[in-house]
Amino acid sequence: MTDIKRIDVIEVLAPDPDISDVTRYEVIALVDDIVPMQMAIYTPGLAQPGEFGPALCSTIIEVSDGDRHPPLGAPAADIITYLDNLSPDWTPIHD
């Protein structure tokens, strides 16, 4: 099951002149289990795992020419499936 709850933005970035044959996309999404909500407790007899919650996050994905590009304009579920297969590193956006 995905941790991506909602896709807010997925857009093509301007080409990088130092990298040829690659298209870069910025993705902004609501992703679950990213930021700590409650720290783990390690007290004997009272141990509890940490709890993590959702956050608005961003990532940059790079797709080489000839590889499958994100299905822009597709239903959100298709885009989420595409991103799940890539397992991108999400960075929380702090206001």
C-alpha atoms as a PDB file:
ATOM      1  CA  MET A   1       0.000   0.000   0.000  1.00  0.00           C
ATOM      2  CA  THR A   2       1.229   3.453  -0.858  1.00  0.00           C
ATOM      3  CA  ASP A   3       2.167   6.199   1.557  1.00  0.00           C
ATOM      4  CA  ILE A   4       1.208   8.781  -1.082  1.00  0.00           C
ATOM      5  CA  LYS A   5      -2.188  10.160  -0.139  1.00  0.00           C
ATOM      6  CA  ARG A   6      -2.575  12.958  -2.685  1.00  0.00           C
ATOM      7  CA  ILE A   7      -0.702  14.411  -5.652  1.00  0.00           C
ATOM      8  CA  ASP A   8      -0.775  18.213  -5.645  1.00  0.00           C
ATOM      9  CA  VAL A   9       1.685  19.029  -8.448  1.00  0.00           C
ATOM     10  CA  ILE A  10       3.629  17.113 -11.051  1.00  0.00           C
ATOM     11  CA  GLU A  11       5.372  19.263 -13.616  1.00  0.00           C
ATOM     12  CA  VAL A  12       8.255  19.151 -16.040  1.00  0.00           C
ATOM     13  CA  LEU A  13      11.249  21.207 -14.955  1.00  0.00           C
ATOM     14  CA  ALA A  14      13.387  23.277 -17.288  1.00  0.00           C
ATOM     15  CA  PRO A  15      16.080  21.184 -18.970  1.00  0.00           C
ATOM     16  CA  ASP A  16      19.466  21.095 -17.266  1.00  0.00           C
ATOM     17  CA  PRO A  17      22.113  22.027 -19.845  1.00  0.00           C
ATOM     18  CA  ASP A  18      24.624  19.761 -18.075  1.00  0.00           C
ATOM     19  CA  ILE A  19      22.420  16.659 -18.419  1.00  0.00           C
ATOM     20  CA  SER A  20      21.305  15.444 -21.827  1.00  0.00           C
ATOM     21  CA  ASP A  21      18.616  12.890 -22.630  1.00  0.00           C
ATOM     22  CA  VAL A  22      16.958  13.282 -19.215  1.00  0.00           C
ATOM     23  CA  THR A  23      13.630  14.891 -18.327  1.00  0.00           C
ATOM     24  CA  ARG A  24      13.226  16.120 -14.761  1.00  0.00           C
ATOM     25  CA  TYR A  25       9.888  16.367 -12.962  1.00  0.00           C
ATOM     26  CA  GLU A  26       9.015  18.023  -9.676  1.00  0.00           C
ATOM     27  CA  VAL A  27       6.335  16.280  -7.647  1.00  0.00           C
ATOM     28  CA  ILE A  28       4.568  17.747  -4.629  1.00  0.00           C
ATOM     29  CA  ALA A  29       2.358  15.350  -2.713  1.00  0.00           C
ATOM     30  CA  LEU A  30       0.835  14.603   0.659  1.00  0.00           C
ATOM     31  CA  VAL A  31       2.781  11.593   1.937  1.00  0.00           C
ATOM     32  CA  ASP A  32       1.931   9.586   5.060  1.00  0.00           C
ATOM     33  CA  ASP A  33       4.408   8.342   7.683  1.00  0.00           C
ATOM     34  CA  ILE A  34       7.033  11.027   6.972  1.00  0.00           C
ATOM     35  CA  VAL A  35       7.312  13.318   9.987  1.00  0.00           C
ATOM     36  CA  PRO A  36       7.555  12.235  13.630  1.00  0.00           C
ATOM     37  CA  MET A  37       4.391  12.867  15.601  1.00  0.00           C
ATOM     38  CA  GLN A  38       5.489  11.165  18.801  1.00  0.00           C
ATOM     39  CA  MET A  39       8.985   9.980  19.605  1.00  0.00           C
ATOM     40  CA  ALA A  40       9.659   6.387  20.602  1.00  0.00           C
ATOM     41  CA  ILE A  41       9.735   5.582  24.328  1.00  0.00           C
ATOM     42  CA  TYR A  42      12.400   3.152  25.523  1.00  0.00           C
ATOM     43  CA  THR A  43      11.607   3.039  29.242  1.00  0.00           C
ATOM     44  CA  PRO A  44      11.541  -0.595  30.452  1.00  0.00           C
ATOM     45  CA  GLY A  45       7.963  -1.763  30.854  1.00  0.00           C
ATOM     46  CA  LEU A  46       6.672   1.265  28.943  1.00  0.00           C
ATOM     47  CA  ALA A  47       8.339   0.920  25.523  1.00  0.00           C
ATOM     48  CA  GLN A  48       6.354   2.301  22.597  1.00  0.00           C
ATOM     49  CA  PRO A  49       7.351   2.740  18.961  1.00  0.00           C
ATOM     50  CA  GLY A  50       7.507   6.206  17.485  1.00  0.00           C
ATOM     51  CA  GLU A  51       4.517   7.467  15.545  1.00  0.00           C
ATOM     52  CA  PHE A  52       4.800   9.199  12.187  1.00  0.00           C
ATOM     53  CA  GLY A  53       2.239  11.301  10.358  1.00  0.00           C
ATOM     54  CA  PRO A  54       1.595  12.898   6.974  1.00  0.00           C
ATOM     55  CA  ALA A  55       3.345  15.927   5.493  1.00  0.00           C
ATOM     56  CA  LEU A  56       3.358  17.892   2.277  1.00  0.00           C
ATOM     57  CA  CYS A  57       6.536  16.743   0.513  1.00  0.00           C
ATOM     58  CA  SER A  58       8.481  17.297  -2.678  1.00  0.00           C
ATOM     59  CA  THR A  59      10.766  15.178  -4.814  1.00  0.00           C
ATOM     60  CA  ILE A  60      12.536  15.464  -8.133  1.00  0.00           C
ATOM     61  CA  ILE A  61      12.469  12.482 -10.462  1.00  0.00           C
ATOM     62  CA  GLU A  62      14.686  12.111 -13.498  1.00  0.00           C
ATOM     63  CA  VAL A  63      13.554  10.009 -16.438  1.00  0.00           C
ATOM     64  CA  SER A  64      15.947   9.051 -19.216  1.00  0.00           C
ATOM     65  CA  ASP A  65      14.770   9.219 -22.812  1.00  0.00           C
ATOM     66  CA  GLY A  66      13.351   5.822 -23.723  1.00  0.00           C
ATOM     67  CA  ASP A  67      12.134   5.131 -20.169  1.00  0.00           C
ATOM     68  CA  ARG A  68       8.504   5.388 -19.117  1.00  0.00           C
ATOM     69  CA  HIS A  69       7.554   8.959 -18.189  1.00  0.00           C
ATOM     70  CA  PRO A  70       4.937   9.869 -15.578  1.00  0.00           C
ATOM     71  CA  PRO A  71       1.401   9.585 -16.933  1.00  0.00           C
ATOM     72  CA  LEU A  72       0.630  13.319 -16.826  1.00  0.00           C
ATOM     73  CA  GLY A  73      -3.098  13.984 -17.066  1.00  0.00           C
ATOM     74  CA  ALA A  74      -3.918  10.439 -15.937  1.00  0.00           C
ATOM     75  CA  PRO A  75      -6.050   9.693 -12.888  1.00  0.00           C
ATOM     76  CA  ALA A  76      -4.256  10.283  -9.586  1.00  0.00           C
ATOM     77  CA  ALA A  77      -4.219   6.539  -8.853  1.00  0.00           C
ATOM     78  CA  ASP A  78      -2.150   5.900 -12.010  1.00  0.00           C
ATOM     79  CA  ILE A  79       0.363   8.611 -11.091  1.00  0.00           C
ATOM     80  CA  ILE A  80       0.628   7.270  -7.534  1.00  0.00           C
ATOM     81  CA  THR A  81       1.272   3.747  -8.874  1.00  0.00           C
ATOM     82  CA  TYR A  82       3.980   5.128 -11.178  1.00  0.00           C
ATOM     83  CA  LEU A  83       5.660   6.956  -8.278  1.00  0.00           C
ATOM     84  CA  ASP A  84       5.367   3.940  -5.969  1.00  0.00           C
ATOM     85  CA  ASN A  85       7.348   1.904  -8.490  1.00  0.00           C
ATOM     86  CA  LEU A  86      10.138   4.531  -8.379  1.00  0.00           C
ATOM     87  CA  SER A  87      10.242   4.794  -4.561  1.00  0.00           C
ATOM     88  CA  PRO A  88      11.424   8.419  -4.620  1.00  0.00           C
ATOM     89  CA  ASP A  89      13.024  10.116  -1.633  1.00  0.00           C
ATOM     90  CA  TRP A  90      10.450  12.539  -0.242  1.00  0.00           C
ATOM     91  CA  THR A  91      11.486  15.754   1.499  1.00  0.00           C
ATOM     92  CA  PRO A  92       8.953  17.452   3.783  1.00  0.00           C
ATOM     93  CA  ILE A  93       8.129  21.032   2.825  1.00  0.00           C
ATOM     94  CA  HIS A  94       8.386  23.206   5.916  1.00  0.00           C
ATOM     95  CA  ASP A  95       6.429  26.450   5.900  1.00  0.00           C
END
